[in-house]
Amino acid sequence: MSFAIDPLRAERADPHASLAIVGNAPGIGPAARAIDAATHVVRFNNASGFGGPTGSRVTHLALVNRGGQMREWLADPAFLDRPVIRQAEAFILPFPMLPAEANEPEPICWTREALALLRPLGKPIHLLPETLHLEARRRLAPKTNECPNPSTGFLVSLALLRDRPADSGPADIHGFGFAGWPGHPWAAERAWFAEAEAAGRLRLHPPDATDAP
């Protein structure tokens, strides 16, 4: 997945353009000006703080397309009217589509329904491929004792940083608390981000520790 494939304005296709990846951890602090100054602003799901302390720009919105969260969105008749949905210029669905026979008897993959909902908006929609998931698990495996289940934030960040030229400036990472659903390898993900920061690939702007979960 690359920004260069987005049919957006010419400056969006510059692989060296500035990039802000904005997570949803509490305690992010007033970062609106810095986030809105980036050429690309990537947000996730319900985009906590959007329109307030985390700024009012979004070029790419990642929407988790498996599990109960997407099911809730599909049942919400006002979902497409949300400001972050209206303002997003492109969408990222982090999971590849499961075959219909693998999505029974209890559906977990809502990719077909999500595409049907979003396509009438006429905006690009990127599905992250299984090859990226394999790479993510390979990168995290040395830091875990079992097969890792990467978070959406890790998958999207890996996709963006993998395609970002090495001589680009570091991406800015806001609002990643490395905590949440216990099935994700948070410690391994935190270590990967720290290594990428040490290599000059990104800058971490951690949330306030007093407010983080």
C-alpha atoms as a PDB file:
ATOM      1  CA  MET A   1       0.000   0.000   0.000  1.00  0.00           C
ATOM      2  CA  SER A   2       1.387   3.366  -0.980  1.00  0.00           C
ATOM      3  CA  PHE A   3       0.196   6.924  -0.920  1.00  0.00           C
ATOM      4  CA  ALA A   4       1.426   7.186  -4.510  1.00  0.00           C
ATOM      5  CA  ILE A   5      -1.528   5.111  -5.738  1.00  0.00           C
ATOM      6  CA  ASP A   6      -4.057   7.565  -4.321  1.00  0.00           C
ATOM      7  CA  PRO A   7      -5.707   9.692  -7.026  1.00  0.00           C
ATOM      8  CA  LEU A   8      -5.465  12.764  -4.807  1.00  0.00           C
ATOM      9  CA  ARG A   9      -3.831  16.150  -5.330  1.00  0.00           C
ATOM     10  CA  ALA A  10      -0.298  16.147  -6.731  1.00  0.00           C
ATOM     11  CA  GLU A  11       1.344  17.042  -3.411  1.00  0.00           C
ATOM     12  CA  ARG A  12      -0.276  13.972  -1.842  1.00  0.00           C
ATOM     13  CA  ALA A  13       1.623  11.719  -4.256  1.00  0.00           C
ATOM     14  CA  ASP A  14       5.039  13.026  -3.111  1.00  0.00           C
ATOM     15  CA  PRO A  15       6.598  10.060  -1.270  1.00  0.00           C
ATOM     16  CA  HIS A  16       8.663  12.505   0.804  1.00  0.00           C
ATOM     17  CA  ALA A  17       5.635  14.443   2.042  1.00  0.00           C
ATOM     18  CA  SER A  18       5.202  14.816   5.780  1.00  0.00           C
ATOM     19  CA  LEU A  19       3.151  12.165   7.549  1.00  0.00           C
ATOM     20  CA  ALA A  20       1.269  12.164  10.853  1.00  0.00           C
ATOM     21  CA  ILE A  21      -0.232   8.898  12.135  1.00  0.00           C
ATOM     22  CA  VAL A  22      -2.749   9.609  14.895  1.00  0.00           C
ATOM     23  CA  GLY A  23      -3.864   6.920  17.320  1.00  0.00           C
ATOM     24  CA  ASN A  24      -6.713   7.037  19.803  1.00  0.00           C
ATOM     25  CA  ALA A  25      -4.981   6.682  23.173  1.00  0.00           C
ATOM     26  CA  PRO A  26      -6.284   9.067  25.845  1.00  0.00           C
ATOM     27  CA  GLY A  27      -4.005  11.819  27.082  1.00  0.00           C
ATOM     28  CA  ILE A  28      -2.745  12.777  23.628  1.00  0.00           C
ATOM     29  CA  GLY A  29      -2.589  16.455  24.614  1.00  0.00           C
ATOM     30  CA  PRO A  30      -3.017  19.538  22.423  1.00  0.00           C
ATOM     31  CA  ALA A  31      -1.283  18.444  19.232  1.00  0.00           C
ATOM     32  CA  ALA A  32      -3.763  19.862  16.723  1.00  0.00           C
ATOM     33  CA  ARG A  33      -1.442  22.381  15.084  1.00  0.00           C
ATOM     34  CA  ALA A  34       1.391  19.906  14.533  1.00  0.00           C
ATOM     35  CA  ILE A  35      -0.934  17.203  13.231  1.00  0.00           C
ATOM     36  CA  ASP A  36      -2.846  19.487  10.870  1.00  0.00           C
ATOM     37  CA  ALA A  37       0.438  20.785   9.424  1.00  0.00           C
ATOM     38  CA  ALA A  38       1.312  17.358   7.974  1.00  0.00           C
ATOM     39  CA  THR A  39       0.625  16.628   4.318  1.00  0.00           C
ATOM     40  CA  HIS A  40      -0.822  13.208   5.157  1.00  0.00           C
ATOM     41  CA  VAL A  41      -2.872  12.727   8.325  1.00  0.00           C
ATOM     42  CA  VAL A  42      -3.848   9.117   9.002  1.00  0.00           C
ATOM     43  CA  ARG A  43      -6.447   8.366  11.691  1.00  0.00           C
ATOM     44  CA  PHE A  44      -8.171   5.271  13.025  1.00  0.00           C
ATOM     45  CA  ASN A  45     -11.746   4.121  13.599  1.00  0.00           C
ATOM     46  CA  ASN A  46     -13.724   6.641  15.690  1.00  0.00           C
ATOM     47  CA  ALA A  47     -10.810   9.105  15.555  1.00  0.00           C
ATOM     48  CA  SER A  48     -10.801  10.250  19.156  1.00  0.00           C
ATOM     49  CA  GLY A  49     -10.064  13.961  19.462  1.00  0.00           C
ATOM     50  CA  PHE A  50     -10.863  14.727  15.830  1.00  0.00           C
ATOM     51  CA  GLY A  51     -12.151  18.278  15.510  1.00  0.00           C
ATOM     52  CA  GLY A  52     -10.579  19.117  18.864  1.00  0.00           C
ATOM     53  CA  PRO A  53      -7.204  18.434  20.516  1.00  0.00           C
ATOM     54  CA  THR A  54      -5.928  16.182  17.699  1.00  0.00           C
ATOM     55  CA  GLY A  55      -6.811  18.568  14.881  1.00  0.00           C
ATOM     56  CA  SER A  56      -9.362  18.702  12.105  1.00  0.00           C
ATOM     57  CA  ARG A  57      -7.605  17.190   9.088  1.00  0.00           C
ATOM     58  CA  VAL A  58      -7.746  13.605   7.871  1.00  0.00           C
ATOM     59  CA  THR A  59      -6.467  12.364   4.530  1.00  0.00           C
ATOM     60  CA  HIS A  60      -6.699   8.625   5.294  1.00  0.00           C
ATOM     61  CA  LEU A  61      -9.005   6.894   7.761  1.00  0.00           C
ATOM     62  CA  ALA A  62      -8.344   3.273   8.769  1.00  0.00           C
ATOM     63  CA  LEU A  63     -11.525   1.384   9.673  1.00  0.00           C
ATOM     64  CA  VAL A  64     -11.237  -2.047  11.263  1.00  0.00           C
ATOM     65  CA  ASN A  65     -13.210  -4.389   8.990  1.00  0.00           C
ATOM     66  CA  ARG A  66     -13.404  -7.440  11.256  1.00  0.00           C
ATOM     67  CA  GLY A  67     -15.266  -7.873  14.517  1.00  0.00           C
ATOM     68  CA  GLY A  68     -18.003  -6.085  16.387  1.00  0.00           C
ATOM     69  CA  GLN A  69     -16.904  -2.511  15.765  1.00  0.00           C
ATOM     70  CA  MET A  70     -17.584  -2.668  12.029  1.00  0.00           C
ATOM     71  CA  ARG A  71     -20.848  -4.479  12.695  1.00  0.00           C
ATOM     72  CA  GLU A  72     -21.916  -1.545  14.891  1.00  0.00           C
ATOM     73  CA  TRP A  73     -20.977   0.978  12.227  1.00  0.00           C
ATOM     74  CA  LEU A  74     -22.911  -0.893   9.561  1.00  0.00           C
ATOM     75  CA  ALA A  75     -26.016  -0.753  11.784  1.00  0.00           C
ATOM     76  CA  ASP A  76     -25.660   2.996  12.364  1.00  0.00           C
ATOM     77  CA  PRO A  77     -27.698   4.954   9.773  1.00  0.00           C
ATOM     78  CA  ALA A  78     -25.757   8.119  10.634  1.00  0.00           C
ATOM     79  CA  PHE A  79     -22.293   6.578  10.187  1.00  0.00           C
ATOM     80  CA  LEU A  80     -21.590   8.164   6.791  1.00  0.00           C
ATOM     81  CA  ASP A  81     -22.576  11.563   8.166  1.00  0.00           C
ATOM     82  CA  ARG A  82     -19.815  11.580  10.768  1.00  0.00           C
ATOM     83  CA  PRO A  83     -17.399  14.484  10.172  1.00  0.00           C
ATOM     84  CA  VAL A  84     -14.331  12.241  10.026  1.00  0.00           C
ATOM     85  CA  ILE A  85     -16.000  10.042   7.386  1.00  0.00           C
ATOM     86  CA  ARG A  86     -17.091  13.021   5.299  1.00  0.00           C
ATOM     87  CA  GLN A  87     -13.665  14.661   5.443  1.00  0.00           C
ATOM     88  CA  ALA A  88     -11.503  11.591   4.844  1.00  0.00           C
ATOM     89  CA  GLU A  89     -10.019  11.545   1.354  1.00  0.00           C
ATOM     90  CA  ALA A  90      -9.358   7.787   1.367  1.00  0.00           C
ATOM     91  CA  PHE A  91     -10.045   4.756   3.537  1.00  0.00           C
ATOM     92  CA  ILE A  92      -7.822   1.886   4.670  1.00  0.00           C
ATOM     93  CA  LEU A  93      -9.313  -1.498   5.575  1.00  0.00           C
ATOM     94  CA  PRO A  94      -6.546  -3.319   7.470  1.00  0.00           C
ATOM     95  CA  PHE A  95      -7.708  -6.921   6.949  1.00  0.00           C
ATOM     96  CA  PRO A  96      -7.979  -8.820   3.658  1.00  0.00           C
ATOM     97  CA  MET A  97     -11.387 -10.188   2.752  1.00  0.00           C
ATOM     98  CA  LEU A  98     -12.111 -13.680   4.042  1.00  0.00           C
ATOM     99  CA  PRO A  99     -13.686 -16.167   1.599  1.00  0.00           C
ATOM    100  CA  ALA A 100     -17.392 -16.559   2.254  1.00  0.00           C
ATOM    101  CA  GLU A 101     -16.962 -20.177   3.411  1.00  0.00           C
ATOM    102  CA  ALA A 102     -14.380 -19.067   6.001  1.00  0.00           C
ATOM    103  CA  ASN A 103     -16.748 -16.464   7.412  1.00  0.00           C
ATOM    104  CA  GLU A 104     -19.308 -18.917   8.822  1.00  0.00           C
ATOM    105  CA  PRO A 105     -21.220 -19.736  10.924  1.00  0.00           C
ATOM    106  CA  GLU A 106     -20.548 -16.570  12.969  1.00  0.00           C
ATOM    107  CA  PRO A 107     -19.336 -13.789  10.642  1.00  0.00           C
ATOM    108  CA  ILE A 108     -16.237 -11.893  11.717  1.00  0.00           C
ATOM    109  CA  CYS A 109     -15.276 -10.330   8.374  1.00  0.00           C
ATOM    110  CA  TRP A 110     -17.410  -7.403   7.235  1.00  0.00           C
ATOM    111  CA  THR A 111     -15.281  -6.350   4.285  1.00  0.00           C
ATOM    112  CA  ARG A 112     -17.936  -6.884   1.603  1.00  0.00           C
ATOM    113  CA  GLU A 113     -20.470  -4.889   3.586  1.00  0.00           C
ATOM    114  CA  ALA A 114     -17.935  -2.151   4.361  1.00  0.00           C
ATOM    115  CA  LEU A 115     -17.025  -1.806   0.680  1.00  0.00           C
ATOM    116  CA  ALA A 116     -20.703  -1.607  -0.279  1.00  0.00           C
ATOM    117  CA  LEU A 117     -21.192   1.138   2.306  1.00  0.00           C
ATOM    118  CA  LEU A 118     -18.120   3.205   1.438  1.00  0.00           C
ATOM    119  CA  ARG A 119     -17.846   2.870  -2.346  1.00  0.00           C
ATOM    120  CA  PRO A 120     -20.749   5.244  -3.122  1.00  0.00           C
ATOM    121  CA  LEU A 121     -18.673   8.006  -1.498  1.00  0.00           C
ATOM    122  CA  GLY A 122     -16.346   7.780  -4.507  1.00  0.00           C
ATOM    123  CA  LYS A 123     -13.151   7.765  -2.424  1.00  0.00           C
ATOM    124  CA  PRO A 124     -10.201   5.350  -2.731  1.00  0.00           C
ATOM    125  CA  ILE A 125     -10.341   2.295  -0.468  1.00  0.00           C
ATOM    126  CA  HIS A 126      -7.163   0.316   0.275  1.00  0.00           C
ATOM    127  CA  LEU A 127      -7.252  -3.249   1.615  1.00  0.00           C
ATOM    128  CA  LEU A 128      -4.025  -4.273   3.301  1.00  0.00           C
ATOM    129  CA  PRO A 129      -2.958  -7.659   1.883  1.00  0.00           C
ATOM    130  CA  GLU A 130      -2.202 -10.890   3.699  1.00  0.00           C
ATOM    131  CA  THR A 131       1.459 -10.503   2.701  1.00  0.00           C
ATOM    132  CA  LEU A 132       1.654  -7.431   4.930  1.00  0.00           C
ATOM    133  CA  HIS A 133       0.145  -9.393   7.833  1.00  0.00           C
ATOM    134  CA  LEU A 134       2.776 -12.090   7.322  1.00  0.00           C
ATOM    135  CA  GLU A 135       5.516  -9.465   7.388  1.00  0.00           C
ATOM    136  CA  ALA A 136       4.052  -7.889  10.522  1.00  0.00           C
ATOM    137  CA  ARG A 137       3.994 -11.220  12.334  1.00  0.00           C
ATOM    138  CA  ARG A 138       7.556 -11.951  11.203  1.00  0.00           C
ATOM    139  CA  ARG A 139       8.790  -8.625  12.556  1.00  0.00           C
ATOM    140  CA  LEU A 140       7.044  -9.053  15.898  1.00  0.00           C
ATOM    141  CA  ALA A 141       7.684 -12.772  16.440  1.00  0.00           C
ATOM    142  CA  PRO A 142      11.232 -12.433  17.893  1.00  0.00           C
ATOM    143  CA  LYS A 143       9.808 -10.269  20.677  1.00  0.00           C
ATOM    144  CA  THR A 144       6.945 -12.602  21.607  1.00  0.00           C
ATOM    145  CA  ASN A 145       6.527 -16.173  22.823  1.00  0.00           C
ATOM    146  CA  GLU A 146       3.683 -17.043  20.454  1.00  0.00           C
ATOM    147  CA  CYS A 147       2.304 -16.178  17.032  1.00  0.00           C
ATOM    148  CA  PRO A 148       1.630 -12.432  17.292  1.00  0.00           C
ATOM    149  CA  ASN A 149      -1.695 -10.843  16.368  1.00  0.00           C
ATOM    150  CA  PRO A 150      -0.697  -7.322  15.236  1.00  0.00           C
ATOM    151  CA  SER A 151      -2.905  -4.348  16.049  1.00  0.00           C
ATOM    152  CA  THR A 152      -4.491  -2.196  13.363  1.00  0.00           C
ATOM    153  CA  GLY A 153      -2.189   0.649  14.354  1.00  0.00           C
ATOM    154  CA  PHE A 154       0.871  -1.511  13.826  1.00  0.00           C
ATOM    155  CA  LEU A 155      -0.344  -2.886  10.489  1.00  0.00           C
ATOM    156  CA  VAL A 156      -1.148   0.533   9.055  1.00  0.00           C
ATOM    157  CA  SER A 157       2.072   2.092  10.366  1.00  0.00           C
ATOM    158  CA  LEU A 158       4.134  -0.741   8.913  1.00  0.00           C
ATOM    159  CA  ALA A 159       2.422  -0.350   5.535  1.00  0.00           C
ATOM    160  CA  LEU A 160       3.076   3.386   5.462  1.00  0.00           C
ATOM    161  CA  LEU A 161       6.657   3.284   6.714  1.00  0.00           C
ATOM    162  CA  ARG A 162       7.599   0.341   4.490  1.00  0.00           C
ATOM    163  CA  ASP A 163       6.756   2.361   1.379  1.00  0.00           C
ATOM    164  CA  ARG A 164       8.256   5.589   2.678  1.00  0.00           C
ATOM    165  CA  PRO A 165      11.665   6.417   1.107  1.00  0.00           C
ATOM    166  CA  ALA A 166      14.560   6.094   3.512  1.00  0.00           C
ATOM    167  CA  ASP A 167      15.634   9.696   2.894  1.00  0.00           C
ATOM    168  CA  SER A 168      12.221  11.094   3.847  1.00  0.00           C
ATOM    169  CA  GLY A 169      11.832  12.885   7.116  1.00  0.00           C
ATOM    170  CA  PRO A 170      10.547  10.823  10.040  1.00  0.00           C
ATOM    171  CA  ALA A 171       6.825  10.213  10.330  1.00  0.00           C
ATOM    172  CA  ASP A 172       5.200  11.657  13.450  1.00  0.00           C
ATOM    173  CA  ILE A 173       3.319   9.128  15.608  1.00  0.00           C
ATOM    174  CA  HIS A 174       0.758  10.625  17.987  1.00  0.00           C
ATOM    175  CA  GLY A 175      -1.568   8.937  20.459  1.00  0.00           C
ATOM    176  CA  PHE A 176      -0.165   5.400  20.477  1.00  0.00           C
ATOM    177  CA  GLY A 177      -0.522   4.099  24.024  1.00  0.00           C
ATOM    178  CA  PHE A 178       0.423   0.453  23.283  1.00  0.00           C
ATOM    179  CA  ALA A 179      -2.423  -0.816  25.442  1.00  0.00           C
ATOM    180  CA  GLY A 180      -5.905  -2.178  24.860  1.00  0.00           C
ATOM    181  CA  TRP A 181      -7.232  -5.537  23.736  1.00  0.00           C
ATOM    182  CA  PRO A 182      -5.011  -8.159  25.445  1.00  0.00           C
ATOM    183  CA  GLY A 183      -4.693 -10.257  22.293  1.00  0.00           C
ATOM    184  CA  HIS A 184      -2.258  -7.809  20.691  1.00  0.00           C
ATOM    185  CA  PRO A 185       1.498  -7.989  21.453  1.00  0.00           C
ATOM    186  CA  TRP A 186       1.754  -4.461  22.847  1.00  0.00           C
ATOM    187  CA  ALA A 187       5.254  -4.797  24.315  1.00  0.00           C
ATOM    188  CA  ALA A 188       6.621  -6.152  21.031  1.00  0.00           C
ATOM    189  CA  GLU A 189       4.921  -3.374  19.071  1.00  0.00           C
ATOM    190  CA  ARG A 190       6.279  -0.715  21.441  1.00  0.00           C
ATOM    191  CA  ALA A 191       9.791  -2.169  20.981  1.00  0.00           C
ATOM    192  CA  TRP A 192       9.437  -2.091  17.175  1.00  0.00           C
ATOM    193  CA  PHE A 193       8.376   1.561  17.233  1.00  0.00           C
ATOM    194  CA  ALA A 194      11.275   2.410  19.545  1.00  0.00           C
ATOM    195  CA  GLU A 195      13.712   0.742  17.146  1.00  0.00           C
ATOM    196  CA  ALA A 196      12.191   2.608  14.182  1.00  0.00           C
ATOM    197  CA  GLU A 197      12.534   5.866  16.114  1.00  0.00           C
ATOM    198  CA  ALA A 198      16.183   5.127  16.897  1.00  0.00           C
ATOM    199  CA  ALA A 199      16.730   4.512  13.179  1.00  0.00           C
ATOM    200  CA  GLY A 200      15.257   7.919  12.332  1.00  0.00           C
ATOM    201  CA  ARG A 201      12.150   6.527  10.628  1.00  0.00           C
ATOM    202  CA  LEU A 202       9.640   8.098  12.999  1.00  0.00           C
ATOM    203  CA  ARG A 203       9.145  10.371  15.991  1.00  0.00           C
ATOM    204  CA  LEU A 204       6.996   9.111  18.854  1.00  0.00           C
ATOM    205  CA  HIS A 205       4.823  11.629  20.669  1.00  0.00           C
ATOM    206  CA  PRO A 206       3.522   9.502  23.562  1.00  0.00           C
ATOM    207  CA  PRO A 207       0.296  10.371  25.384  1.00  0.00           C
ATOM    208  CA  ASP A 208       0.432  11.758  28.884  1.00  0.00           C
ATOM    209  CA  ALA A 209       1.292   8.812  31.121  1.00  0.00           C
ATOM    210  CA  THR A 210      -1.087  10.076  33.785  1.00  0.00           C
ATOM    211  CA  ASP A 211      -4.048   9.743  31.422  1.00  0.00           C
ATOM    212  CA  ALA A 212      -3.063   6.629  29.472  1.00  0.00           C
ATOM    213  CA  PRO A 213      -4.837   3.341  30.291  1.00  0.00           C
END
